[in-house]
Amino acid sequence: MGDKGIRVLLVDDHQVVRRGLRTFLEVQDDIEVVGEAADGAEGVAQAEELGPDVVLMDVKMPGMDGIEALRRLRALDNPAKVLVVTSFTERRTVVPALRAGASGYVYKDVDPDALAGAIRSVHAGHVLLQSEVADALLSEDEPGTGQGRGTSLTEREREVLGLIADGRSNREIARALVLSEKTVKTHVSNILMKLDLADRTQAALWAVRHGLSG
């Protein structure tokens, strides 16, 4: 077990990509690469065995792809945050990944420092929801899905939900609303229950679709 801080698992079918990511991340003082996998199935197995904090997941891989791997990790209640690293910008690729449980995504040509920042961000509980993805989600909104459920939220829960959609962590929400982190966690749990959502990523997407984000 490492003691450098954020434990990262690399899942990509291209060895050159994995090597490049590892080379850069290993020089970060607060990030440790704990393993690699060449496809989704191996990635799920490694995530269960190694217990990483963050998984960098490619989308298009032979065998089990990244989206199916995300679904498997959710089914297993694996706590790792998943940051999708992709060269695909199409809505049909990015949106399903977010719906499957990814905390955000970056492109493979991302600036190295921006990648490290993204890893730290999702580890801290942020949701990386870029503007073009928000637009895609808005355009793909399913009529009637969750519309009525929002009326059961209290005003405070709506405030918390809006801050989740803005990418705030529980600690930041607590500071912004002058609440304890424990109280914020309770609000988040109530939001997920009332809206019948699986996690805060889905909550952020719901908030964007229903106009609660800043």
N, C-alpha and C. Protein backbone atom coordinates (compact mmCIF):
# COMPACT_ATOMS: atom_id res chain seq x y z
N MET A 1 0.84 -1.19 0.00
CA MET A 1 0.00 0.00 0.00
C MET A 1 0.88 1.24 0.00
N GLY A 2 0.56 2.20 -0.83
CA GLY A 2 1.35 3.41 -0.90
C GLY A 2 0.86 4.45 0.09
N ASP A 3 1.67 5.49 0.32
CA ASP A 3 1.29 6.54 1.26
C ASP A 3 1.40 7.91 0.62
N LYS A 4 1.34 7.96 -0.72
CA LYS A 4 1.54 9.23 -1.41
C LYS A 4 0.25 10.03 -1.54
N GLY A 5 -0.85 9.48 -1.16
CA GLY A 5 -2.09 10.24 -1.26
C GLY A 5 -3.11 9.57 -2.15
N ILE A 6 -3.30 10.10 -3.36
CA ILE A 6 -4.35 9.61 -4.26
C ILE A 6 -3.86 8.40 -5.03
N ARG A 7 -4.53 7.28 -4.83
CA ARG A 7 -4.14 6.03 -5.50
C ARG A 7 -4.90 5.92 -6.82
N VAL A 8 -4.17 5.77 -7.92
CA VAL A 8 -4.76 5.81 -9.26
C VAL A 8 -4.54 4.49 -10.00
N LEU A 9 -5.59 4.01 -10.66
CA LEU A 9 -5.51 2.84 -11.53
C LEU A 9 -5.71 3.30 -12.97
N LEU A 10 -4.84 2.83 -13.88
CA LEU A 10 -4.92 3.19 -15.29
C LEU A 10 -5.57 2.06 -16.08
N VAL A 11 -6.63 2.36 -16.82
CA VAL A 11 -7.31 1.35 -17.63
C VAL A 11 -7.38 1.85 -19.07
N ASP A 12 -6.54 1.28 -19.93
CA ASP A 12 -6.46 1.68 -21.33
C ASP A 12 -5.83 0.54 -22.11
N ASP A 13 -6.37 0.24 -23.30
CA ASP A 13 -5.83 -0.89 -24.06
C ASP A 13 -4.54 -0.56 -24.78
N HIS A 14 -4.12 0.70 -24.80
CA HIS A 14 -2.87 1.08 -25.46
C HIS A 14 -1.75 1.22 -24.43
N GLN A 15 -0.77 0.35 -24.54
CA GLN A 15 0.33 0.36 -23.58
C GLN A 15 1.09 1.69 -23.59
N VAL A 16 1.22 2.28 -24.78
CA VAL A 16 1.95 3.55 -24.88
C VAL A 16 1.22 4.63 -24.09
N VAL A 17 -0.11 4.64 -24.16
CA VAL A 17 -0.88 5.63 -23.40
C VAL A 17 -0.69 5.40 -21.91
N ARG A 18 -0.78 4.15 -21.48
CA ARG A 18 -0.59 3.85 -20.05
C ARG A 18 0.79 4.27 -19.59
N ARG A 19 1.79 3.99 -20.42
CA ARG A 19 3.16 4.34 -20.03
C ARG A 19 3.31 5.85 -19.91
N GLY A 20 2.71 6.59 -20.85
CA GLY A 20 2.80 8.04 -20.79
C GLY A 20 2.11 8.60 -19.56
N LEU A 21 0.93 8.08 -19.26
CA LEU A 21 0.21 8.53 -18.08
C LEU A 21 0.99 8.22 -16.81
N ARG A 22 1.53 7.01 -16.73
CA ARG A 22 2.29 6.62 -15.55
C ARG A 22 3.52 7.50 -15.38
N THR A 23 4.24 7.75 -16.47
CA THR A 23 5.46 8.56 -16.39
C THR A 23 5.17 9.94 -15.81
N PHE A 24 4.08 10.55 -16.27
CA PHE A 24 3.75 11.87 -15.76
C PHE A 24 3.25 11.82 -14.33
N LEU A 25 2.33 10.90 -14.04
CA LEU A 25 1.71 10.88 -12.72
C LEU A 25 2.68 10.50 -11.62
N GLU A 26 3.68 9.69 -11.95
CA GLU A 26 4.62 9.26 -10.92
C GLU A 26 5.50 10.39 -10.38
N VAL A 27 5.55 11.52 -11.08
CA VAL A 27 6.34 12.64 -10.56
C VAL A 27 5.49 13.57 -9.70
N GLN A 28 4.20 13.28 -9.57
CA GLN A 28 3.34 14.09 -8.71
C GLN A 28 3.50 13.64 -7.26
N ASP A 29 3.69 14.59 -6.38
CA ASP A 29 3.94 14.25 -4.98
C ASP A 29 2.74 13.59 -4.30
N ASP A 30 1.54 13.90 -4.77
CA ASP A 30 0.35 13.42 -4.06
C ASP A 30 -0.43 12.38 -4.84
N ILE A 31 0.16 11.81 -5.89
CA ILE A 31 -0.52 10.81 -6.71
C ILE A 31 0.37 9.59 -6.87
N GLU A 32 -0.21 8.42 -6.73
CA GLU A 32 0.53 7.16 -6.89
C GLU A 32 -0.23 6.23 -7.83
N VAL A 33 0.42 5.77 -8.88
CA VAL A 33 -0.18 4.79 -9.78
C VAL A 33 -0.01 3.41 -9.15
N VAL A 34 -1.14 2.77 -8.81
CA VAL A 34 -1.08 1.50 -8.11
C VAL A 34 -1.29 0.30 -9.02
N GLY A 35 -1.69 0.54 -10.28
CA GLY A 35 -1.89 -0.59 -11.18
C GLY A 35 -2.32 -0.15 -12.56
N GLU A 36 -2.31 -1.12 -13.49
CA GLU A 36 -2.72 -0.89 -14.87
C GLU A 36 -3.59 -2.04 -15.34
N ALA A 37 -4.45 -1.76 -16.30
CA ALA A 37 -5.28 -2.79 -16.90
C ALA A 37 -5.47 -2.46 -18.38
N ALA A 38 -5.59 -3.50 -19.21
CA ALA A 38 -5.67 -3.31 -20.66
C ALA A 38 -7.08 -3.40 -21.22
N ASP A 39 -8.06 -3.72 -20.38
CA ASP A 39 -9.45 -3.74 -20.85
C ASP A 39 -10.38 -3.56 -19.65
N GLY A 40 -11.67 -3.44 -19.93
CA GLY A 40 -12.61 -3.17 -18.88
C GLY A 40 -12.71 -4.26 -17.83
N ALA A 41 -12.73 -5.52 -18.26
CA ALA A 41 -12.85 -6.62 -17.31
C ALA A 41 -11.67 -6.66 -16.36
N GLU A 42 -10.47 -6.49 -16.91
CA GLU A 42 -9.28 -6.46 -16.07
C GLU A 42 -9.31 -5.24 -15.15
N GLY A 43 -9.83 -4.11 -15.68
CA GLY A 43 -9.92 -2.91 -14.87
C GLY A 43 -10.83 -3.09 -13.67
N VAL A 44 -11.98 -3.74 -13.87
CA VAL A 44 -12.89 -4.00 -12.76
C VAL A 44 -12.22 -4.89 -11.72
N ALA A 45 -11.55 -5.95 -12.18
CA ALA A 45 -10.87 -6.87 -11.26
C ALA A 45 -9.78 -6.15 -10.47
N GLN A 46 -9.01 -5.30 -11.16
CA GLN A 46 -7.94 -4.56 -10.49
C GLN A 46 -8.50 -3.55 -9.50
N ALA A 47 -9.61 -2.92 -9.85
CA ALA A 47 -10.22 -1.96 -8.94
C ALA A 47 -10.69 -2.64 -7.67
N GLU A 48 -11.24 -3.83 -7.81
CA GLU A 48 -11.68 -4.57 -6.64
C GLU A 48 -10.49 -5.03 -5.80
N GLU A 49 -9.41 -5.43 -6.44
CA GLU A 49 -8.25 -5.97 -5.72
C GLU A 49 -7.40 -4.87 -5.09
N LEU A 50 -7.20 -3.77 -5.82
CA LEU A 50 -6.24 -2.76 -5.39
C LEU A 50 -6.86 -1.61 -4.61
N GLY A 51 -8.15 -1.41 -4.75
CA GLY A 51 -8.81 -0.34 -4.02
C GLY A 51 -8.30 1.06 -4.34
N PRO A 52 -8.21 1.43 -5.62
CA PRO A 52 -7.74 2.78 -5.96
C PRO A 52 -8.76 3.83 -5.55
N ASP A 53 -8.29 5.06 -5.40
CA ASP A 53 -9.19 6.19 -5.13
C ASP A 53 -9.81 6.69 -6.43
N VAL A 54 -9.02 6.70 -7.50
CA VAL A 54 -9.46 7.21 -8.80
C VAL A 54 -9.05 6.23 -9.89
N VAL A 55 -9.95 5.96 -10.82
CA VAL A 55 -9.66 5.12 -11.98
C VAL A 55 -9.69 6.01 -13.22
N LEU A 56 -8.59 6.01 -13.99
CA LEU A 56 -8.58 6.67 -15.29
C LEU A 56 -9.02 5.63 -16.31
N MET A 57 -10.19 5.81 -16.90
CA MET A 57 -10.82 4.77 -17.72
C MET A 57 -10.97 5.20 -19.17
N ASP A 58 -10.39 4.42 -20.07
CA ASP A 58 -10.65 4.64 -21.49
C ASP A 58 -12.07 4.16 -21.80
N VAL A 59 -12.66 4.65 -22.87
CA VAL A 59 -14.01 4.25 -23.24
C VAL A 59 -14.00 3.10 -24.23
N LYS A 60 -13.29 3.28 -25.35
CA LYS A 60 -13.27 2.27 -26.40
C LYS A 60 -12.14 1.29 -26.18
N MET A 61 -12.49 0.07 -25.78
CA MET A 61 -11.49 -0.99 -25.57
C MET A 61 -12.07 -2.31 -26.08
N PRO A 62 -11.22 -3.22 -26.52
CA PRO A 62 -11.72 -4.53 -26.96
C PRO A 62 -12.28 -5.30 -25.77
N GLY A 63 -13.22 -6.20 -26.06
CA GLY A 63 -13.84 -6.93 -24.96
C GLY A 63 -14.81 -6.03 -24.22
N MET A 64 -14.65 -5.95 -22.92
CA MET A 64 -15.51 -5.06 -22.13
C MET A 64 -15.03 -3.62 -22.25
N ASP A 65 -15.90 -2.74 -22.74
CA ASP A 65 -15.49 -1.35 -22.90
C ASP A 65 -15.62 -0.59 -21.58
N GLY A 66 -15.25 0.68 -21.62
CA GLY A 66 -15.23 1.47 -20.40
C GLY A 66 -16.60 1.70 -19.80
N ILE A 67 -17.62 1.86 -20.64
CA ILE A 67 -18.96 2.12 -20.12
C ILE A 67 -19.51 0.90 -19.39
N GLU A 68 -19.30 -0.28 -19.94
CA GLU A 68 -19.74 -1.49 -19.25
C GLU A 68 -18.95 -1.69 -17.96
N ALA A 69 -17.65 -1.36 -17.99
CA ALA A 69 -16.83 -1.46 -16.78
C ALA A 69 -17.36 -0.54 -15.70
N LEU A 70 -17.78 0.67 -16.09
CA LEU A 70 -18.38 1.60 -15.14
C LEU A 70 -19.63 1.00 -14.51
N ARG A 71 -20.46 0.38 -15.33
CA ARG A 71 -21.69 -0.22 -14.81
C ARG A 71 -21.35 -1.35 -13.83
N ARG A 72 -20.34 -2.14 -14.14
CA ARG A 72 -19.95 -3.24 -13.25
C ARG A 72 -19.44 -2.70 -11.92
N LEU A 73 -18.63 -1.64 -11.97
CA LEU A 73 -18.10 -1.05 -10.73
C LEU A 73 -19.24 -0.52 -9.86
N ARG A 74 -20.24 0.09 -10.50
CA ARG A 74 -21.38 0.59 -9.74
C ARG A 74 -22.14 -0.58 -9.12
N ALA A 75 -22.35 -1.64 -9.89
CA ALA A 75 -23.07 -2.80 -9.38
C ALA A 75 -22.35 -3.42 -8.19
N LEU A 76 -21.03 -3.32 -8.19
CA LEU A 76 -20.22 -3.86 -7.09
C LEU A 76 -20.08 -2.88 -5.93
N ASP A 77 -20.68 -1.70 -6.06
CA ASP A 77 -20.56 -0.64 -5.05
C ASP A 77 -19.11 -0.28 -4.79
N ASN A 78 -18.30 -0.32 -5.84
CA ASN A 78 -16.90 0.07 -5.69
C ASN A 78 -16.83 1.58 -5.48
N PRO A 79 -16.12 2.06 -4.46
CA PRO A 79 -16.13 3.49 -4.13
C PRO A 79 -15.21 4.36 -4.98
N ALA A 80 -14.42 3.75 -5.87
CA ALA A 80 -13.47 4.53 -6.66
C ALA A 80 -14.19 5.54 -7.54
N LYS A 81 -13.62 6.74 -7.65
CA LYS A 81 -14.11 7.73 -8.59
C LYS A 81 -13.53 7.38 -9.96
N VAL A 82 -14.34 7.50 -11.00
CA VAL A 82 -13.88 7.17 -12.35
C VAL A 82 -13.81 8.43 -13.19
N LEU A 83 -12.62 8.69 -13.71
CA LEU A 83 -12.40 9.81 -14.63
C LEU A 83 -12.16 9.22 -16.01
N VAL A 84 -13.08 9.45 -16.92
CA VAL A 84 -12.96 8.92 -18.28
C VAL A 84 -11.90 9.70 -19.05
N VAL A 85 -10.97 8.99 -19.65
CA VAL A 85 -9.93 9.60 -20.48
C VAL A 85 -10.16 9.11 -21.90
N THR A 86 -10.58 9.99 -22.79
CA THR A 86 -11.03 9.54 -24.10
C THR A 86 -10.55 10.46 -25.22
N SER A 87 -10.47 9.90 -26.40
CA SER A 87 -10.19 10.71 -27.59
C SER A 87 -11.47 10.97 -28.36
N PHE A 88 -12.60 10.45 -27.84
CA PHE A 88 -13.88 10.59 -28.51
C PHE A 88 -14.67 11.74 -27.88
N THR A 89 -15.16 12.64 -28.70
CA THR A 89 -15.90 13.80 -28.19
C THR A 89 -17.39 13.71 -28.51
N GLU A 90 -17.81 12.66 -29.21
CA GLU A 90 -19.21 12.56 -29.58
C GLU A 90 -20.10 12.40 -28.35
N ARG A 91 -21.27 12.99 -28.43
CA ARG A 91 -22.21 12.88 -27.33
C ARG A 91 -22.53 11.43 -27.01
N ARG A 92 -22.63 10.60 -28.06
CA ARG A 92 -23.04 9.22 -27.82
C ARG A 92 -21.98 8.43 -27.06
N THR A 93 -20.79 8.99 -26.92
CA THR A 93 -19.75 8.34 -26.13
C THR A 93 -19.67 8.92 -24.73
N VAL A 94 -19.62 10.24 -24.62
CA VAL A 94 -19.40 10.88 -23.33
C VAL A 94 -20.62 10.81 -22.42
N VAL A 95 -21.80 11.09 -22.97
CA VAL A 95 -23.00 11.12 -22.14
C VAL A 95 -23.30 9.76 -21.50
N PRO A 96 -23.26 8.64 -22.24
CA PRO A 96 -23.49 7.35 -21.58
C PRO A 96 -22.48 7.05 -20.47
N ALA A 97 -21.24 7.50 -20.65
CA ALA A 97 -20.22 7.28 -19.62
C ALA A 97 -20.60 8.01 -18.34
N LEU A 98 -21.08 9.23 -18.47
CA LEU A 98 -21.50 9.97 -17.28
C LEU A 98 -22.74 9.34 -16.66
N ARG A 99 -23.65 8.90 -17.49
CA ARG A 99 -24.85 8.25 -16.97
C ARG A 99 -24.49 6.93 -16.27
N ALA A 100 -23.42 6.29 -16.70
CA ALA A 100 -23.01 5.02 -16.11
C ALA A 100 -22.26 5.19 -14.80
N GLY A 101 -21.94 6.44 -14.45
CA GLY A 101 -21.32 6.66 -13.14
C GLY A 101 -20.00 7.37 -13.13
N ALA A 102 -19.49 7.81 -14.28
CA ALA A 102 -18.22 8.54 -14.29
C ALA A 102 -18.38 9.88 -13.57
N SER A 103 -17.32 10.31 -12.90
CA SER A 103 -17.34 11.59 -12.20
C SER A 103 -16.96 12.73 -13.13
N GLY A 104 -16.54 12.41 -14.34
CA GLY A 104 -16.15 13.43 -15.30
C GLY A 104 -15.33 12.80 -16.41
N TYR A 105 -14.82 13.65 -17.28
CA TYR A 105 -14.01 13.12 -18.37
C TYR A 105 -12.99 14.16 -18.81
N VAL A 106 -11.90 13.67 -19.38
CA VAL A 106 -10.89 14.53 -20.00
C VAL A 106 -10.49 13.88 -21.32
N TYR A 107 -9.94 14.69 -22.22
CA TYR A 107 -9.47 14.15 -23.49
C TYR A 107 -8.03 13.67 -23.36
N LYS A 108 -7.64 12.74 -24.23
CA LYS A 108 -6.31 12.16 -24.13
C LYS A 108 -5.20 13.16 -24.42
N ASP A 109 -5.53 14.26 -25.09
CA ASP A 109 -4.51 15.27 -25.35
C ASP A 109 -4.54 16.38 -24.29
N VAL A 110 -5.16 16.09 -23.13
CA VAL A 110 -5.25 17.08 -22.07
C VAL A 110 -3.86 17.47 -21.59
N ASP A 111 -3.71 18.74 -21.21
CA ASP A 111 -2.47 19.21 -20.64
C ASP A 111 -2.17 18.40 -19.37
N PRO A 112 -0.93 17.93 -19.20
CA PRO A 112 -0.61 17.08 -18.04
C PRO A 112 -0.99 17.70 -16.70
N ASP A 113 -0.75 18.98 -16.53
CA ASP A 113 -1.11 19.61 -15.27
C ASP A 113 -2.62 19.63 -15.08
N ALA A 114 -3.36 19.81 -16.18
CA ALA A 114 -4.82 19.79 -16.10
C ALA A 114 -5.32 18.39 -15.73
N LEU A 115 -4.64 17.36 -16.21
CA LEU A 115 -5.01 15.99 -15.86
C LEU A 115 -4.83 15.76 -14.37
N ALA A 116 -3.68 16.18 -13.85
CA ALA A 116 -3.44 16.02 -12.41
C ALA A 116 -4.50 16.78 -11.62
N GLY A 117 -4.85 17.97 -12.09
CA GLY A 117 -5.88 18.74 -11.42
C GLY A 117 -7.23 18.05 -11.46
N ALA A 118 -7.54 17.41 -12.60
CA ALA A 118 -8.81 16.69 -12.72
C ALA A 118 -8.86 15.51 -11.76
N ILE A 119 -7.75 14.80 -11.62
CA ILE A 119 -7.69 13.68 -10.69
C ILE A 119 -7.93 14.17 -9.26
N ARG A 120 -7.27 15.25 -8.90
CA ARG A 120 -7.46 15.79 -7.55
C ARG A 120 -8.90 16.26 -7.36
N SER A 121 -9.48 16.80 -8.40
CA SER A 121 -10.84 17.34 -8.31
C SER A 121 -11.87 16.23 -8.07
N VAL A 122 -11.83 15.16 -8.87
CA VAL A 122 -12.81 14.10 -8.68
C VAL A 122 -12.57 13.37 -7.37
N HIS A 123 -11.30 13.27 -6.95
CA HIS A 123 -11.00 12.64 -5.67
C HIS A 123 -11.61 13.43 -4.53
N ALA A 124 -11.67 14.76 -4.68
CA ALA A 124 -12.25 15.62 -3.65
C ALA A 124 -13.77 15.63 -3.67
N GLY A 125 -14.37 14.93 -4.63
CA GLY A 125 -15.82 14.84 -4.69
C GLY A 125 -16.48 15.73 -5.71
N HIS A 126 -15.68 16.39 -6.56
CA HIS A 126 -16.24 17.24 -7.59
C HIS A 126 -16.75 16.40 -8.77
N VAL A 127 -17.66 16.97 -9.51
CA VAL A 127 -18.14 16.38 -10.76
C VAL A 127 -17.68 17.28 -11.89
N LEU A 128 -16.88 16.73 -12.81
CA LEU A 128 -16.36 17.52 -13.92
C LEU A 128 -17.36 17.47 -15.08
N LEU A 129 -18.24 18.43 -15.11
CA LEU A 129 -19.30 18.47 -16.11
C LEU A 129 -19.05 19.67 -17.01
N GLN A 130 -18.43 19.44 -18.16
CA GLN A 130 -18.08 20.53 -19.05
C GLN A 130 -19.30 21.01 -19.82
N SER A 131 -19.22 22.24 -20.33
CA SER A 131 -20.39 22.89 -20.91
C SER A 131 -21.00 22.12 -22.06
N GLU A 132 -20.14 21.53 -22.93
CA GLU A 132 -20.70 20.82 -24.07
C GLU A 132 -21.45 19.56 -23.66
N VAL A 133 -21.03 18.95 -22.54
CA VAL A 133 -21.74 17.78 -22.04
C VAL A 133 -23.06 18.20 -21.43
N ALA A 134 -23.07 19.31 -20.73
CA ALA A 134 -24.32 19.82 -20.17
C ALA A 134 -25.31 20.08 -21.30
N ASP A 135 -24.83 20.67 -22.39
CA ASP A 135 -25.71 20.92 -23.55
C ASP A 135 -26.25 19.61 -24.11
N ALA A 136 -25.38 18.58 -24.18
CA ALA A 136 -25.81 17.29 -24.71
C ALA A 136 -26.87 16.68 -23.82
N LEU A 137 -26.68 16.79 -22.52
CA LEU A 137 -27.65 16.23 -21.59
C LEU A 137 -28.98 16.96 -21.69
N LEU A 138 -28.91 18.27 -21.82
CA LEU A 138 -30.14 19.04 -21.96
C LEU A 138 -30.91 18.65 -23.21
N SER A 139 -30.16 18.40 -24.30
CA SER A 139 -30.81 18.07 -25.56
C SER A 139 -31.35 16.65 -25.56
N GLU A 140 -30.82 15.79 -24.67
CA GLU A 140 -31.24 14.40 -24.63
C GLU A 140 -32.17 14.09 -23.46
N ASP A 141 -32.63 15.13 -22.80
CA ASP A 141 -33.50 14.93 -21.65
C ASP A 141 -34.72 14.10 -22.03
N GLU A 142 -35.01 13.09 -21.20
CA GLU A 142 -36.18 12.27 -21.46
C GLU A 142 -37.40 12.94 -20.87
N PRO A 143 -38.42 13.20 -21.68
CA PRO A 143 -39.61 13.87 -21.16
C PRO A 143 -40.21 13.11 -19.99
N GLY A 144 -40.46 13.83 -18.90
CA GLY A 144 -41.13 13.24 -17.75
C GLY A 144 -40.22 12.55 -16.78
N THR A 145 -38.95 12.32 -17.12
CA THR A 145 -38.08 11.58 -16.23
C THR A 145 -37.69 12.45 -15.04
N GLY A 146 -38.22 12.17 -13.88
CA GLY A 146 -37.84 12.87 -12.67
C GLY A 146 -38.45 14.25 -12.52
N GLN A 147 -39.28 14.69 -13.44
CA GLN A 147 -39.81 16.04 -13.36
C GLN A 147 -40.60 16.24 -12.08
N GLY A 148 -41.51 15.33 -11.78
CA GLY A 148 -42.35 15.50 -10.62
C GLY A 148 -41.62 15.28 -9.31
N ARG A 149 -40.59 14.44 -9.32
CA ARG A 149 -39.89 14.13 -8.09
C ARG A 149 -39.23 15.35 -7.48
N GLY A 150 -38.85 16.32 -8.32
CA GLY A 150 -38.17 17.50 -7.81
C GLY A 150 -39.02 18.31 -6.85
N THR A 151 -40.33 18.18 -6.93
CA THR A 151 -41.21 18.96 -6.06
C THR A 151 -41.12 18.49 -4.62
N SER A 152 -40.59 17.30 -4.38
CA SER A 152 -40.48 16.79 -3.01
C SER A 152 -39.24 17.31 -2.29
N LEU A 153 -38.36 18.00 -3.01
CA LEU A 153 -37.14 18.52 -2.39
C LEU A 153 -37.45 19.76 -1.56
N THR A 154 -36.80 19.87 -0.41
CA THR A 154 -36.91 21.09 0.39
C THR A 154 -36.06 22.18 -0.26
N GLU A 155 -36.24 23.41 0.17
CA GLU A 155 -35.47 24.52 -0.38
C GLU A 155 -33.98 24.30 -0.11
N ARG A 156 -33.64 23.82 1.08
CA ARG A 156 -32.24 23.56 1.40
C ARG A 156 -31.68 22.46 0.51
N GLU A 157 -32.45 21.41 0.26
CA GLU A 157 -31.98 20.34 -0.61
C GLU A 157 -31.75 20.83 -2.03
N ARG A 158 -32.59 21.74 -2.48
CA ARG A 158 -32.40 22.32 -3.81
C ARG A 158 -31.12 23.15 -3.85
N GLU A 159 -30.81 23.84 -2.77
CA GLU A 159 -29.56 24.60 -2.70
C GLU A 159 -28.36 23.66 -2.78
N VAL A 160 -28.43 22.58 -2.00
CA VAL A 160 -27.35 21.59 -2.00
C VAL A 160 -27.20 20.98 -3.39
N LEU A 161 -28.31 20.63 -4.02
CA LEU A 161 -28.28 20.02 -5.34
C LEU A 161 -27.66 20.97 -6.36
N GLY A 162 -27.99 22.24 -6.28
CA GLY A 162 -27.40 23.21 -7.19
C GLY A 162 -25.89 23.30 -7.03
N LEU A 163 -25.42 23.21 -5.80
CA LEU A 163 -23.97 23.27 -5.55
C LEU A 163 -23.28 21.99 -6.01
N ILE A 164 -23.96 20.86 -5.89
CA ILE A 164 -23.41 19.61 -6.44
C ILE A 164 -23.22 19.75 -7.94
N ALA A 165 -24.21 20.32 -8.61
CA ALA A 165 -24.13 20.51 -10.06
C ALA A 165 -23.01 21.48 -10.45
N ASP A 166 -22.67 22.38 -9.54
CA ASP A 166 -21.57 23.32 -9.80
C ASP A 166 -20.21 22.70 -9.52
N GLY A 167 -20.21 21.42 -9.12
CA GLY A 167 -18.95 20.73 -8.90
C GLY A 167 -18.37 20.86 -7.51
N ARG A 168 -19.19 21.29 -6.54
CA ARG A 168 -18.69 21.48 -5.18
C ARG A 168 -18.64 20.16 -4.43
N SER A 169 -17.62 20.00 -3.61
CA SER A 169 -17.51 18.84 -2.73
C SER A 169 -18.38 19.07 -1.50
N ASN A 170 -18.60 18.03 -0.70
CA ASN A 170 -19.39 18.19 0.52
C ASN A 170 -18.78 19.24 1.44
N ARG A 171 -17.47 19.26 1.54
CA ARG A 171 -16.81 20.23 2.41
C ARG A 171 -17.07 21.65 1.93
N GLU A 172 -17.01 21.85 0.62
CA GLU A 172 -17.25 23.19 0.07
C GLU A 172 -18.72 23.60 0.23
N ILE A 173 -19.62 22.63 0.06
CA ILE A 173 -21.04 22.93 0.26
C ILE A 173 -21.30 23.31 1.71
N ALA A 174 -20.69 22.57 2.62
CA ALA A 174 -20.85 22.87 4.05
C ALA A 174 -20.37 24.29 4.36
N ARG A 175 -19.25 24.67 3.77
CA ARG A 175 -18.70 26.00 4.01
C ARG A 175 -19.61 27.08 3.40
N ALA A 176 -20.11 26.82 2.20
CA ALA A 176 -20.94 27.81 1.52
C ALA A 176 -22.27 28.04 2.23
N LEU A 177 -22.84 26.96 2.78
CA LEU A 177 -24.16 27.06 3.41
C LEU A 177 -24.10 27.14 4.93
N VAL A 178 -22.88 27.19 5.46
CA VAL A 178 -22.65 27.26 6.92
C VAL A 178 -23.35 26.08 7.61
N LEU A 179 -23.00 24.89 7.15
CA LEU A 179 -23.52 23.65 7.71
C LEU A 179 -22.35 22.74 8.07
N SER A 180 -22.62 21.70 8.83
CA SER A 180 -21.61 20.69 9.08
C SER A 180 -21.55 19.74 7.89
N GLU A 181 -20.40 19.09 7.69
CA GLU A 181 -20.30 18.11 6.60
C GLU A 181 -21.29 16.97 6.80
N LYS A 182 -21.51 16.60 8.05
CA LYS A 182 -22.46 15.51 8.34
C LYS A 182 -23.86 15.89 7.88
N THR A 183 -24.24 17.15 8.12
CA THR A 183 -25.56 17.61 7.67
C THR A 183 -25.66 17.61 6.15
N VAL A 184 -24.59 18.02 5.49
CA VAL A 184 -24.58 18.02 4.02
C VAL A 184 -24.73 16.59 3.51
N LYS A 185 -24.01 15.64 4.11
CA LYS A 185 -24.12 14.24 3.69
C LYS A 185 -25.55 13.74 3.82
N THR A 186 -26.20 14.16 4.89
CA THR A 186 -27.60 13.77 5.09
C THR A 186 -28.48 14.34 3.99
N HIS A 187 -28.26 15.62 3.66
CA HIS A 187 -29.03 16.24 2.58
C HIS A 187 -28.80 15.51 1.26
N VAL A 188 -27.53 15.17 0.97
CA VAL A 188 -27.21 14.47 -0.28
C VAL A 188 -27.93 13.12 -0.32
N SER A 189 -27.90 12.39 0.79
CA SER A 189 -28.59 11.09 0.85
C SER A 189 -30.09 11.25 0.60
N ASN A 190 -30.68 12.28 1.19
CA ASN A 190 -32.11 12.52 1.00
C ASN A 190 -32.43 12.88 -0.45
N ILE A 191 -31.55 13.67 -1.06
CA ILE A 191 -31.74 14.05 -2.47
C ILE A 191 -31.73 12.82 -3.36
N LEU A 192 -30.73 11.96 -3.15
CA LEU A 192 -30.62 10.75 -3.98
C LEU A 192 -31.84 9.85 -3.79
N MET A 193 -32.32 9.75 -2.55
CA MET A 193 -33.48 8.91 -2.28
C MET A 193 -34.74 9.49 -2.93
N LYS A 194 -34.96 10.79 -2.77
CA LYS A 194 -36.17 11.41 -3.30
C LYS A 194 -36.21 11.39 -4.83
N LEU A 195 -35.04 11.56 -5.45
CA LEU A 195 -34.99 11.60 -6.91
C LEU A 195 -34.73 10.23 -7.52
N ASP A 196 -34.56 9.21 -6.66
CA ASP A 196 -34.30 7.85 -7.12
C ASP A 196 -33.06 7.81 -8.01
N LEU A 197 -31.96 8.38 -7.51
CA LEU A 197 -30.69 8.44 -8.24
C LEU A 197 -29.65 7.63 -7.50
N ALA A 198 -28.62 7.19 -8.24
CA ALA A 198 -27.63 6.28 -7.66
C ALA A 198 -26.48 7.01 -6.98
N ASP A 199 -26.10 8.18 -7.48
CA ASP A 199 -24.92 8.84 -6.94
C ASP A 199 -24.96 10.34 -7.25
N ARG A 200 -23.95 11.07 -6.77
CA ARG A 200 -23.95 12.52 -6.94
C ARG A 200 -23.70 12.94 -8.39
N THR A 201 -23.07 12.06 -9.19
CA THR A 201 -22.91 12.38 -10.61
C THR A 201 -24.28 12.43 -11.28
N GLN A 202 -25.12 11.45 -11.01
CA GLN A 202 -26.47 11.47 -11.56
C GLN A 202 -27.25 12.67 -11.02
N ALA A 203 -27.00 13.02 -9.76
CA ALA A 203 -27.67 14.18 -9.18
C ALA A 203 -27.26 15.46 -9.91
N ALA A 204 -25.97 15.58 -10.24
CA ALA A 204 -25.50 16.75 -10.97
C ALA A 204 -26.15 16.83 -12.35
N LEU A 205 -26.24 15.68 -13.02
CA LEU A 205 -26.86 15.66 -14.34
C LEU A 205 -28.34 16.04 -14.24
N TRP A 206 -29.03 15.53 -13.22
CA TRP A 206 -30.45 15.86 -13.03
C TRP A 206 -30.61 17.36 -12.81
N ALA A 207 -29.72 17.94 -11.99
CA ALA A 207 -29.81 19.37 -11.68
C ALA A 207 -29.60 20.22 -12.94
N VAL A 208 -28.64 19.81 -13.77
CA VAL A 208 -28.39 20.55 -15.02
C VAL A 208 -29.63 20.48 -15.92
N ARG A 209 -30.22 19.29 -16.05
CA ARG A 209 -31.38 19.13 -16.91
C ARG A 209 -32.58 19.95 -16.43
N HIS A 210 -32.63 20.18 -15.10
CA HIS A 210 -33.80 20.87 -14.55
C HIS A 210 -33.48 22.27 -14.05
N GLY A 211 -32.39 22.82 -14.53
CA GLY A 211 -32.12 24.24 -14.33
C GLY A 211 -31.69 24.65 -12.94
N LEU A 212 -31.09 23.72 -12.16
CA LEU A 212 -30.68 24.06 -10.80
C LEU A 212 -29.21 24.38 -10.68
N SER A 213 -28.45 24.27 -11.76
CA SER A 213 -27.02 24.57 -11.67
C SER A 213 -26.79 26.06 -11.86
N GLY A 214 -25.63 26.51 -11.32
CA GLY A 214 -25.31 27.92 -11.44
C GLY A 214 -24.82 28.28 -12.81
